[in-house]
Amino acid sequence: MTRPCPGCGSAETRPFAEKNGHRLVRCRRCATLFTSDAACETYDDYYNAENLEVPQFLAKRLDDIVAAFAPARRGGRLLDVGFGSGELLEAARRAGWAVSGVEVALPAVEQARRRGVDAFHGTLRDAPFDAGSFDVVVASEIFEHICDVRPLLDDVARVLRPGGLLWATTPHSRGLSARLLGTSWSVISPPEHVQLFSIAGMRALLRSAGFADAVISAEGVNPYEILHRGKMEGRRVDSAYAVNAFFEERRGRRAVKRAINRVLSALRLGDSLKIAARKTA
């Protein structure tokens, strides 16, 4: 039996491919791509001293992301779910937010605590946060890893104040790389990634969990991977960093990147979904 679509919930699917011993199907209704089984990896030991280090150029980009959260600020509290290296939390602190984080990987939690961050080791469901206590909840590159995203969104909605902001990113099942490379795209990587949402699937999921006014854009592409036909051999993250570092180095290049992203988003061809949604009152 194939599990229902993690986006729109439909049981109507068509076969897509097999990879890493897992059968992939595509939802006939919303085009979300997902594994037919519900076998998910655990991430308790995902981080270590090596992959907790991130490039310096990211700091400016994260400052820009956090600056966009200003209109949602009321009580001034921000939560990052699955915070990893914790660099977004650091950017939020620089902007004056009171920050908290939730992470299942203990090395990441220990690093955050050494930095003085209120970091909870475990899942959001088990974290001791009061209902309606955050203005903003961040969930970056999380949804593709979790077999059932809806319970997580329910937990996010619980801790967000009415009108609070969910900001998230996740790979796009209908982006340029997915279309050109198919299963050769390194991001199609079960059981690490058990679903890649379409825009329609992500919108349906958010709506079912009580989020409204969702703005979903599809941005970014890794030309290095397309040129190499997906043969990354574990270099997915490093190559993505290299592409972003190139564009972030100079103001003119940043303008070019913004223009490229506007085109990709207008055509719904970007490889990454950027999500901003409000909790309904």
C-alpha atoms as a PDB file:
ATOM      1  CA  MET A   1       0.000   0.000   0.000  1.00  0.00           C
ATOM      2  CA  THR A   2       1.215   3.486  -0.866  1.00  0.00           C
ATOM      3  CA  ARG A   3       0.902   6.108   1.850  1.00  0.00           C
ATOM      4  CA  PRO A   4      -1.335   9.069   0.993  1.00  0.00           C
ATOM      5  CA  CYS A   5       0.203  12.190  -0.473  1.00  0.00           C
ATOM      6  CA  PRO A   6       1.928  14.133   2.336  1.00  0.00           C
ATOM      7  CA  GLY A   7       0.769  17.356   0.690  1.00  0.00           C
ATOM      8  CA  CYS A   8      -2.864  17.201  -0.400  1.00  0.00           C
ATOM      9  CA  GLY A   9      -3.685  13.803   1.137  1.00  0.00           C
ATOM     10  CA  SER A  10      -4.776  12.196  -2.137  1.00  0.00           C
ATOM     11  CA  ALA A  11      -4.449   8.417  -2.571  1.00  0.00           C
ATOM     12  CA  GLU A  12      -4.103   8.761  -6.341  1.00  0.00           C
ATOM     13  CA  THR A  13      -0.488   8.335  -7.428  1.00  0.00           C
ATOM     14  CA  ARG A  14       1.514   7.250 -10.423  1.00  0.00           C
ATOM     15  CA  PRO A  15       4.890   5.447 -10.345  1.00  0.00           C
ATOM     16  CA  PHE A  16       7.949   7.665 -10.693  1.00  0.00           C
ATOM     17  CA  ALA A  17      11.111   5.612 -10.102  1.00  0.00           C
ATOM     18  CA  GLU A  18      13.087   3.544  -7.630  1.00  0.00           C
ATOM     19  CA  LYS A  19      16.166   4.856  -5.843  1.00  0.00           C
ATOM     20  CA  ASN A  20      18.217   3.558  -2.924  1.00  0.00           C
ATOM     21  CA  GLY A  21      15.811   0.641  -2.572  1.00  0.00           C
ATOM     22  CA  HIS A  22      12.746   2.878  -2.192  1.00  0.00           C
ATOM     23  CA  ARG A  23       9.836   3.269  -4.585  1.00  0.00           C
ATOM     24  CA  LEU A  24       8.983   6.864  -5.454  1.00  0.00           C
ATOM     25  CA  VAL A  25       5.553   7.948  -6.633  1.00  0.00           C
ATOM     26  CA  ARG A  26       4.059  11.255  -7.744  1.00  0.00           C
ATOM     27  CA  CYS A  27       0.691  12.529  -6.586  1.00  0.00           C
ATOM     28  CA  ARG A  28      -1.725  12.766  -9.508  1.00  0.00           C
ATOM     29  CA  ARG A  29      -3.521  15.713  -7.892  1.00  0.00           C
ATOM     30  CA  CYS A  30      -0.749  18.044  -6.681  1.00  0.00           C
ATOM     31  CA  ALA A  31       2.472  16.566  -8.174  1.00  0.00           C
ATOM     32  CA  THR A  32       4.240  16.140  -4.831  1.00  0.00           C
ATOM     33  CA  LEU A  33       6.945  13.458  -5.119  1.00  0.00           C
ATOM     34  CA  PHE A  34       7.288  10.997  -2.233  1.00  0.00           C
ATOM     35  CA  THR A  35       8.314   7.515  -1.142  1.00  0.00           C
ATOM     36  CA  SER A  36       5.520   4.976  -1.137  1.00  0.00           C
ATOM     37  CA  ASP A  37       6.656   3.658   2.264  1.00  0.00           C
ATOM     38  CA  ALA A  38       7.038   5.599   5.495  1.00  0.00           C
ATOM     39  CA  ALA A  39      10.638   4.615   6.266  1.00  0.00           C
ATOM     40  CA  CYS A  40      12.390   7.709   7.620  1.00  0.00           C
ATOM     41  CA  GLU A  41      15.926   8.175   8.849  1.00  0.00           C
ATOM     42  CA  THR A  42      16.699   9.392  12.349  1.00  0.00           C
ATOM     43  CA  TYR A  43      18.962  12.397  12.836  1.00  0.00           C
ATOM     44  CA  ASP A  44      20.091  12.073  16.442  1.00  0.00           C
ATOM     45  CA  ASP A  45      23.743  11.792  15.353  1.00  0.00           C
ATOM     46  CA  TYR A  46      23.518  13.795  12.118  1.00  0.00           C
ATOM     47  CA  TYR A  47      25.751  16.668  13.241  1.00  0.00           C
ATOM     48  CA  ASN A  48      29.369  16.694  14.320  1.00  0.00           C
ATOM     49  CA  ALA A  49      32.141  19.253  14.718  1.00  0.00           C
ATOM     50  CA  GLU A  50      32.793  19.250  10.966  1.00  0.00           C
ATOM     51  CA  ASN A  51      29.291  19.845   9.596  1.00  0.00           C
ATOM     52  CA  LEU A  52      28.369  22.333  12.330  1.00  0.00           C
ATOM     53  CA  GLU A  53      30.749  24.800  10.680  1.00  0.00           C
ATOM     54  CA  VAL A  54      29.218  27.021   7.986  1.00  0.00           C
ATOM     55  CA  PRO A  55      30.806  29.544   5.574  1.00  0.00           C
ATOM     56  CA  GLN A  56      31.223  33.132   6.697  1.00  0.00           C
ATOM     57  CA  PHE A  57      29.259  34.576   3.768  1.00  0.00           C
ATOM     58  CA  LEU A  58      26.040  33.103   5.183  1.00  0.00           C
ATOM     59  CA  ALA A  59      25.920  35.632   8.012  1.00  0.00           C
ATOM     60  CA  LYS A  60      24.875  38.517   5.728  1.00  0.00           C
ATOM     61  CA  ARG A  61      22.265  36.373   3.987  1.00  0.00           C
ATOM     62  CA  LEU A  62      20.807  35.267   7.326  1.00  0.00           C
ATOM     63  CA  ASP A  63      20.719  38.867   8.560  1.00  0.00           C
ATOM     64  CA  ASP A  64      18.616  39.738   5.492  1.00  0.00           C
ATOM     65  CA  ILE A  65      16.245  36.821   6.141  1.00  0.00           C
ATOM     66  CA  VAL A  66      15.760  37.796   9.781  1.00  0.00           C
ATOM     67  CA  ALA A  67      15.200  41.451   8.830  1.00  0.00           C
ATOM     68  CA  ALA A  68      12.134  40.335   6.851  1.00  0.00           C
ATOM     69  CA  PHE A  69      10.582  38.988  10.072  1.00  0.00           C
ATOM     70  CA  ALA A  70      10.282  42.493  11.586  1.00  0.00           C
ATOM     71  CA  PRO A  71       6.588  43.044  10.663  1.00  0.00           C
ATOM     72  CA  ALA A  72       5.640  39.920  12.659  1.00  0.00           C
ATOM     73  CA  ARG A  73       7.349  41.165  15.824  1.00  0.00           C
ATOM     74  CA  ARG A  74       5.137  41.593  18.874  1.00  0.00           C
ATOM     75  CA  GLY A  75       6.584  39.894  21.950  1.00  0.00           C
ATOM     76  CA  GLY A  76       9.963  39.487  20.240  1.00  0.00           C
ATOM     77  CA  ARG A  77      10.349  35.695  20.544  1.00  0.00           C
ATOM     78  CA  LEU A  78      11.583  33.462  17.714  1.00  0.00           C
ATOM     79  CA  LEU A  79      11.845  29.670  17.597  1.00  0.00           C
ATOM     80  CA  ASP A  80      13.989  27.668  15.153  1.00  0.00           C
ATOM     81  CA  VAL A  81      12.899  24.033  14.730  1.00  0.00           C
ATOM     82  CA  GLY A  82      15.796  21.831  13.631  1.00  0.00           C
ATOM     83  CA  PHE A  83      18.295  24.680  13.989  1.00  0.00           C
ATOM     84  CA  GLY A  84      21.428  22.706  13.001  1.00  0.00           C
ATOM     85  CA  SER A  85      24.479  24.953  13.178  1.00  0.00           C
ATOM     86  CA  GLY A  86      22.399  27.627  14.926  1.00  0.00           C
ATOM     87  CA  GLU A  87      23.539  30.442  12.647  1.00  0.00           C
ATOM     88  CA  LEU A  88      20.001  31.710  12.040  1.00  0.00           C
ATOM     89  CA  LEU A  89      19.485  31.895  15.789  1.00  0.00           C
ATOM     90  CA  GLU A  90      22.664  33.964  16.014  1.00  0.00           C
ATOM     91  CA  ALA A  91      21.379  36.297  13.286  1.00  0.00           C
ATOM     92  CA  ALA A  92      18.079  36.680  15.149  1.00  0.00           C
ATOM     93  CA  ARG A  93      19.912  37.523  18.362  1.00  0.00           C
ATOM     94  CA  ARG A  94      21.915  40.170  16.507  1.00  0.00           C
ATOM     95  CA  ALA A  95      18.578  41.680  15.474  1.00  0.00           C
ATOM     96  CA  GLY A  96      17.356  41.762  19.078  1.00  0.00           C
ATOM     97  CA  TRP A  97      15.098  38.715  19.121  1.00  0.00           C
ATOM     98  CA  ALA A  98      14.792  36.452  22.163  1.00  0.00           C
ATOM     99  CA  VAL A  99      15.571  33.081  20.598  1.00  0.00           C
ATOM    100  CA  SER A 100      14.886  29.429  21.353  1.00  0.00           C
ATOM    101  CA  GLY A 101      15.655  26.300  19.361  1.00  0.00           C
ATOM    102  CA  VAL A 102      14.582  22.676  19.074  1.00  0.00           C
ATOM    103  CA  GLU A 103      16.921  20.046  17.664  1.00  0.00           C
ATOM    104  CA  VAL A 104      17.118  16.225  17.827  1.00  0.00           C
ATOM    105  CA  ALA A 105      20.892  16.092  17.241  1.00  0.00           C
ATOM    106  CA  LEU A 106      22.675  16.414  20.590  1.00  0.00           C
ATOM    107  CA  PRO A 107      25.983  17.883  19.241  1.00  0.00           C
ATOM    108  CA  ALA A 108      24.036  20.789  17.727  1.00  0.00           C
ATOM    109  CA  VAL A 109      22.166  21.340  21.009  1.00  0.00           C
ATOM    110  CA  GLU A 110      25.403  21.310  23.006  1.00  0.00           C
ATOM    111  CA  GLN A 111      26.995  23.876  20.682  1.00  0.00           C
ATOM    112  CA  ALA A 112      23.944  26.142  20.920  1.00  0.00           C
ATOM    113  CA  ARG A 113      23.910  25.939  24.692  1.00  0.00           C
ATOM    114  CA  ARG A 114      27.596  26.873  24.827  1.00  0.00           C
ATOM    115  CA  ARG A 115      26.594  30.001  22.929  1.00  0.00           C
ATOM    116  CA  GLY A 116      23.922  30.768  25.519  1.00  0.00           C
ATOM    117  CA  VAL A 117      20.926  29.755  23.393  1.00  0.00           C
ATOM    118  CA  ASP A 118      17.792  28.304  24.978  1.00  0.00           C
ATOM    119  CA  ALA A 119      18.055  24.971  23.125  1.00  0.00           C
ATOM    120  CA  PHE A 120      15.801  21.964  23.697  1.00  0.00           C
ATOM    121  CA  HIS A 121      17.050  18.483  22.811  1.00  0.00           C
ATOM    122  CA  GLY A 122      14.166  16.562  21.248  1.00  0.00           C
ATOM    123  CA  THR A 123      11.070  17.304  19.214  1.00  0.00           C
ATOM    124  CA  LEU A 124       8.808  20.327  19.292  1.00  0.00           C
ATOM    125  CA  ARG A 125       5.957  18.181  20.619  1.00  0.00           C
ATOM    126  CA  ASP A 126       7.966  17.432  23.761  1.00  0.00           C
ATOM    127  CA  ALA A 127       9.408  20.924  24.212  1.00  0.00           C
ATOM    128  CA  PRO A 128       8.078  22.932  27.206  1.00  0.00           C
ATOM    129  CA  PHE A 129       6.850  25.961  25.266  1.00  0.00           C
ATOM    130  CA  ASP A 130       3.543  27.620  26.116  1.00  0.00           C
ATOM    131  CA  ALA A 131       0.824  27.974  23.513  1.00  0.00           C
ATOM    132  CA  GLY A 132       0.996  31.198  21.529  1.00  0.00           C
ATOM    133  CA  SER A 133       4.411  32.151  22.886  1.00  0.00           C
ATOM    134  CA  PHE A 134       6.306  32.917  19.647  1.00  0.00           C
ATOM    135  CA  ASP A 135       5.961  35.563  16.964  1.00  0.00           C
ATOM    136  CA  VAL A 136       7.988  33.574  14.419  1.00  0.00           C
ATOM    137  CA  VAL A 137       8.760  29.884  13.970  1.00  0.00           C
ATOM    138  CA  VAL A 138      11.461  28.871  11.485  1.00  0.00           C
ATOM    139  CA  ALA A 139      11.625  25.389   9.928  1.00  0.00           C
ATOM    140  CA  SER A 140      14.370  25.417   7.314  1.00  0.00           C
ATOM    141  CA  GLU A 141      15.070  22.219   5.325  1.00  0.00           C
ATOM    142  CA  ILE A 142      12.970  20.085   7.695  1.00  0.00           C
ATOM    143  CA  PHE A 143       9.784  19.088   5.875  1.00  0.00           C
ATOM    144  CA  GLU A 144      11.526  16.838   3.352  1.00  0.00           C
ATOM    145  CA  HIS A 145      12.901  14.628   6.151  1.00  0.00           C
ATOM    146  CA  ILE A 146       9.720  13.915   8.132  1.00  0.00           C
ATOM    147  CA  CYS A 147       7.332  11.171   7.051  1.00  0.00           C
ATOM    148  CA  ASP A 148       4.275  12.967   8.451  1.00  0.00           C
ATOM    149  CA  VAL A 149       4.675  16.747   8.387  1.00  0.00           C
ATOM    150  CA  ARG A 150       1.147  17.598   9.511  1.00  0.00           C
ATOM    151  CA  PRO A 151       1.715  16.819  13.244  1.00  0.00           C
ATOM    152  CA  LEU A 152       4.772  19.097  13.181  1.00  0.00           C
ATOM    153  CA  LEU A 153       2.709  21.902  11.623  1.00  0.00           C
ATOM    154  CA  ASP A 154       0.066  21.372  14.304  1.00  0.00           C
ATOM    155  CA  ASP A 155       2.770  21.811  16.956  1.00  0.00           C
ATOM    156  CA  VAL A 156       4.081  24.926  15.192  1.00  0.00           C
ATOM    157  CA  ALA A 157       0.575  26.366  15.112  1.00  0.00           C
ATOM    158  CA  ARG A 158       0.179  25.675  18.836  1.00  0.00           C
ATOM    159  CA  VAL A 159       3.273  27.644  19.887  1.00  0.00           C
ATOM    160  CA  LEU A 160       2.692  30.517  17.438  1.00  0.00           C
ATOM    161  CA  ARG A 161       0.566  33.452  18.542  1.00  0.00           C
ATOM    162  CA  PRO A 162      -2.502  34.205  16.399  1.00  0.00           C
ATOM    163  CA  GLY A 163      -1.236  35.929  13.291  1.00  0.00           C
ATOM    164  CA  GLY A 164       2.298  34.683  13.947  1.00  0.00           C
ATOM    165  CA  LEU A 165       4.646  33.812  11.082  1.00  0.00           C
ATOM    166  CA  LEU A 166       5.873  30.414   9.916  1.00  0.00           C
ATOM    167  CA  TRP A 167       8.961  30.764   7.711  1.00  0.00           C
ATOM    168  CA  ALA A 168      10.258  27.607   6.060  1.00  0.00           C
ATOM    169  CA  THR A 169      12.246  26.215   3.152  1.00  0.00           C
ATOM    170  CA  THR A 170      12.114  22.801   1.496  1.00  0.00           C
ATOM    171  CA  PRO A 171      13.147  21.353  -1.891  1.00  0.00           C
ATOM    172  CA  HIS A 172      10.753  21.692  -4.818  1.00  0.00           C
ATOM    173  CA  SER A 173       9.523  18.609  -6.646  1.00  0.00           C
ATOM    174  CA  ARG A 174       8.826  20.554  -9.866  1.00  0.00           C
ATOM    175  CA  GLY A 175      11.935  22.716 -10.008  1.00  0.00           C
ATOM    176  CA  LEU A 176      14.390  22.917 -12.891  1.00  0.00           C
ATOM    177  CA  SER A 177      16.803  20.340 -11.488  1.00  0.00           C
ATOM    178  CA  ALA A 178      14.040  17.834 -10.775  1.00  0.00           C
ATOM    179  CA  ARG A 179      12.731  18.223 -14.315  1.00  0.00           C
ATOM    180  CA  LEU A 180      16.117  17.997 -16.030  1.00  0.00           C
ATOM    181  CA  LEU A 181      17.871  15.413 -13.857  1.00  0.00           C
ATOM    182  CA  GLY A 182      15.083  13.201 -12.509  1.00  0.00           C
ATOM    183  CA  THR A 183      16.445  10.683 -10.019  1.00  0.00           C
ATOM    184  CA  SER A 184      20.001  11.825 -10.833  1.00  0.00           C
ATOM    185  CA  TRP A 185      19.278  15.000  -8.852  1.00  0.00           C
ATOM    186  CA  SER A 186      21.093  14.516  -5.567  1.00  0.00           C
ATOM    187  CA  VAL A 187      18.189  16.003  -3.617  1.00  0.00           C
ATOM    188  CA  ILE A 188      15.991  13.053  -4.596  1.00  0.00           C
ATOM    189  CA  SER A 189      17.627  10.891  -1.957  1.00  0.00           C
ATOM    190  CA  PRO A 190      15.397   8.499  -0.011  1.00  0.00           C
ATOM    191  CA  PRO A 191      15.340   7.715   2.857  1.00  0.00           C
ATOM    192  CA  GLU A 192      17.111  11.001   3.739  1.00  0.00           C
ATOM    193  CA  HIS A 193      14.429  12.906   1.837  1.00  0.00           C
ATOM    194  CA  VAL A 194      11.077  11.126   1.869  1.00  0.00           C
ATOM    195  CA  GLN A 195       9.099  13.787   0.002  1.00  0.00           C
ATOM    196  CA  LEU A 196       9.636  16.816  -2.183  1.00  0.00           C
ATOM    197  CA  PHE A 197       6.578  19.055  -2.155  1.00  0.00           C
ATOM    198  CA  SER A 198       5.058  20.857  -5.090  1.00  0.00           C
ATOM    199  CA  ILE A 199       3.739  24.376  -4.561  1.00  0.00           C
ATOM    200  CA  ALA A 200       0.162  23.085  -4.710  1.00  0.00           C
ATOM    201  CA  GLY A 201       0.925  20.289  -2.239  1.00  0.00           C
ATOM    202  CA  MET A 202       2.635  22.638   0.203  1.00  0.00           C
ATOM    203  CA  ARG A 203      -0.216  25.101  -0.008  1.00  0.00           C
ATOM    204  CA  ALA A 204      -2.799  22.368   0.662  1.00  0.00           C
ATOM    205  CA  LEU A 205      -0.842  21.108   3.672  1.00  0.00           C
ATOM    206  CA  LEU A 206      -0.501  24.567   5.193  1.00  0.00           C
ATOM    207  CA  ARG A 207      -4.190  25.275   4.712  1.00  0.00           C
ATOM    208  CA  SER A 208      -5.153  21.997   6.427  1.00  0.00           C
ATOM    209  CA  ALA A 209      -3.023  22.956   9.438  1.00  0.00           C
ATOM    210  CA  GLY A 210      -4.628  26.371   9.886  1.00  0.00           C
ATOM    211  CA  PHE A 211      -2.161  28.621   8.062  1.00  0.00           C
ATOM    212  CA  ALA A 212      -3.368  31.357   5.745  1.00  0.00           C
ATOM    213  CA  ASP A 213      -1.977  34.019   3.406  1.00  0.00           C
ATOM    214  CA  ALA A 214       0.816  31.646   2.392  1.00  0.00           C
ATOM    215  CA  VAL A 215       3.408  33.200   0.088  1.00  0.00           C
ATOM    216  CA  ILE A 216       5.380  30.414  -1.602  1.00  0.00           C
ATOM    217  CA  SER A 217       8.136  31.192  -4.073  1.00  0.00           C
ATOM    218  CA  ALA A 218      10.383  28.768  -5.973  1.00  0.00           C
ATOM    219  CA  GLU A 219      13.951  30.081  -6.057  1.00  0.00           C
ATOM    220  CA  GLY A 220      17.510  28.941  -6.614  1.00  0.00           C
ATOM    221  CA  VAL A 221      19.212  26.437  -8.871  1.00  0.00           C
ATOM    222  CA  ASN A 222      22.620  24.760  -8.747  1.00  0.00           C
ATOM    223  CA  PRO A 223      24.122  25.046 -12.264  1.00  0.00           C
ATOM    224  CA  TYR A 224      27.113  22.956 -11.181  1.00  0.00           C
ATOM    225  CA  GLU A 225      24.904  19.931 -10.587  1.00  0.00           C
ATOM    226  CA  ILE A 226      22.975  20.372 -13.818  1.00  0.00           C
ATOM    227  CA  LEU A 227      26.225  20.633 -15.804  1.00  0.00           C
ATOM    228  CA  HIS A 228      27.522  17.473 -14.128  1.00  0.00           C
ATOM    229  CA  ARG A 229      24.221  15.657 -14.639  1.00  0.00           C
ATOM    230  CA  GLY A 230      23.755  15.138 -10.922  1.00  0.00           C
ATOM    231  CA  LYS A 231      27.020  13.266 -10.350  1.00  0.00           C
ATOM    232  CA  MET A 232      27.830  15.003  -7.086  1.00  0.00           C
ATOM    233  CA  GLU A 233      29.388  12.169  -5.046  1.00  0.00           C
ATOM    234  CA  GLY A 234      28.552  13.792  -1.719  1.00  0.00           C
ATOM    235  CA  ARG A 235      29.325  17.348  -2.856  1.00  0.00           C
ATOM    236  CA  ARG A 236      25.733  18.638  -2.886  1.00  0.00           C
ATOM    237  CA  VAL A 237      26.063  20.979   0.077  1.00  0.00           C
ATOM    238  CA  ASP A 238      29.574  22.199  -0.758  1.00  0.00           C
ATOM    239  CA  SER A 239      28.657  22.986  -4.367  1.00  0.00           C
ATOM    240  CA  ALA A 240      25.537  24.871  -3.250  1.00  0.00           C
ATOM    241  CA  TYR A 241      27.665  26.901  -0.827  1.00  0.00           C
ATOM    242  CA  ALA A 242      30.117  27.673  -3.650  1.00  0.00           C
ATOM    243  CA  VAL A 243      27.353  28.949  -5.946  1.00  0.00           C
ATOM    244  CA  ASN A 244      25.862  31.139  -3.220  1.00  0.00           C
ATOM    245  CA  ALA A 245      29.277  32.440  -2.151  1.00  0.00           C
ATOM    246  CA  PHE A 246      29.973  33.557  -5.721  1.00  0.00           C
ATOM    247  CA  PHE A 247      26.760  35.584  -5.897  1.00  0.00           C
ATOM    248  CA  GLU A 248      27.060  37.033  -2.395  1.00  0.00           C
ATOM    249  CA  GLU A 249      30.613  38.368  -2.872  1.00  0.00           C
ATOM    250  CA  ARG A 250      29.650  41.549  -4.733  1.00  0.00           C
ATOM    251  CA  ARG A 251      26.645  43.839  -4.878  1.00  0.00           C
ATOM    252  CA  GLY A 252      26.283  43.470  -8.651  1.00  0.00           C
ATOM    253  CA  ARG A 253      26.223  39.698  -8.405  1.00  0.00           C
ATOM    254  CA  ARG A 254      23.589  39.870  -5.671  1.00  0.00           C
ATOM    255  CA  ALA A 255      21.420  41.936  -8.015  1.00  0.00           C
ATOM    256  CA  VAL A 256      21.869  39.302 -10.725  1.00  0.00           C
ATOM    257  CA  LYS A 257      20.898  36.576  -8.258  1.00  0.00           C
ATOM    258  CA  ARG A 258      17.728  38.445  -7.292  1.00  0.00           C
ATOM    259  CA  ALA A 259      16.800  38.836 -10.960  1.00  0.00           C
ATOM    260  CA  ILE A 260      17.382  35.121 -11.628  1.00  0.00           C
ATOM    261  CA  ASN A 261      15.258  34.194  -8.622  1.00  0.00           C
ATOM    262  CA  ARG A 262      12.422  36.447  -9.786  1.00  0.00           C
ATOM    263  CA  VAL A 263      12.382  34.662 -13.145  1.00  0.00           C
ATOM    264  CA  LEU A 264      12.610  31.199 -11.585  1.00  0.00           C
ATOM    265  CA  SER A 265       9.807  31.995  -9.166  1.00  0.00           C
ATOM    266  CA  ALA A 266       7.570  33.469 -11.876  1.00  0.00           C
ATOM    267  CA  LEU A 267       8.023  30.261 -13.881  1.00  0.00           C
ATOM    268  CA  ARG A 268       7.762  28.071 -10.753  1.00  0.00           C
ATOM    269  CA  LEU A 269      11.099  26.465 -11.656  1.00  0.00           C
ATOM    270  CA  GLY A 270      13.288  27.207  -8.649  1.00  0.00           C
ATOM    271  CA  ASP A 271      14.723  24.216  -6.804  1.00  0.00           C
ATOM    272  CA  SER A 272      13.797  25.493  -3.326  1.00  0.00           C
ATOM    273  CA  LEU A 273      10.427  26.510  -1.945  1.00  0.00           C
ATOM    274  CA  LYS A 274      10.522  29.592   0.292  1.00  0.00           C
ATOM    275  CA  ILE A 275       7.437  29.690   2.502  1.00  0.00           C
ATOM    276  CA  ALA A 276       5.934  32.455   4.617  1.00  0.00           C
ATOM    277  CA  ALA A 277       2.510  31.729   6.145  1.00  0.00           C
ATOM    278  CA  ARG A 278       0.408  33.253   8.919  1.00  0.00           C
ATOM    279  CA  LYS A 279      -1.352  31.324  11.645  1.00  0.00           C
ATOM    280  CA  THR A 280      -5.052  32.065  11.483  1.00  0.00           C
ATOM    281  CA  ALA A 281      -6.497  33.827  14.501  1.00  0.00           C
END
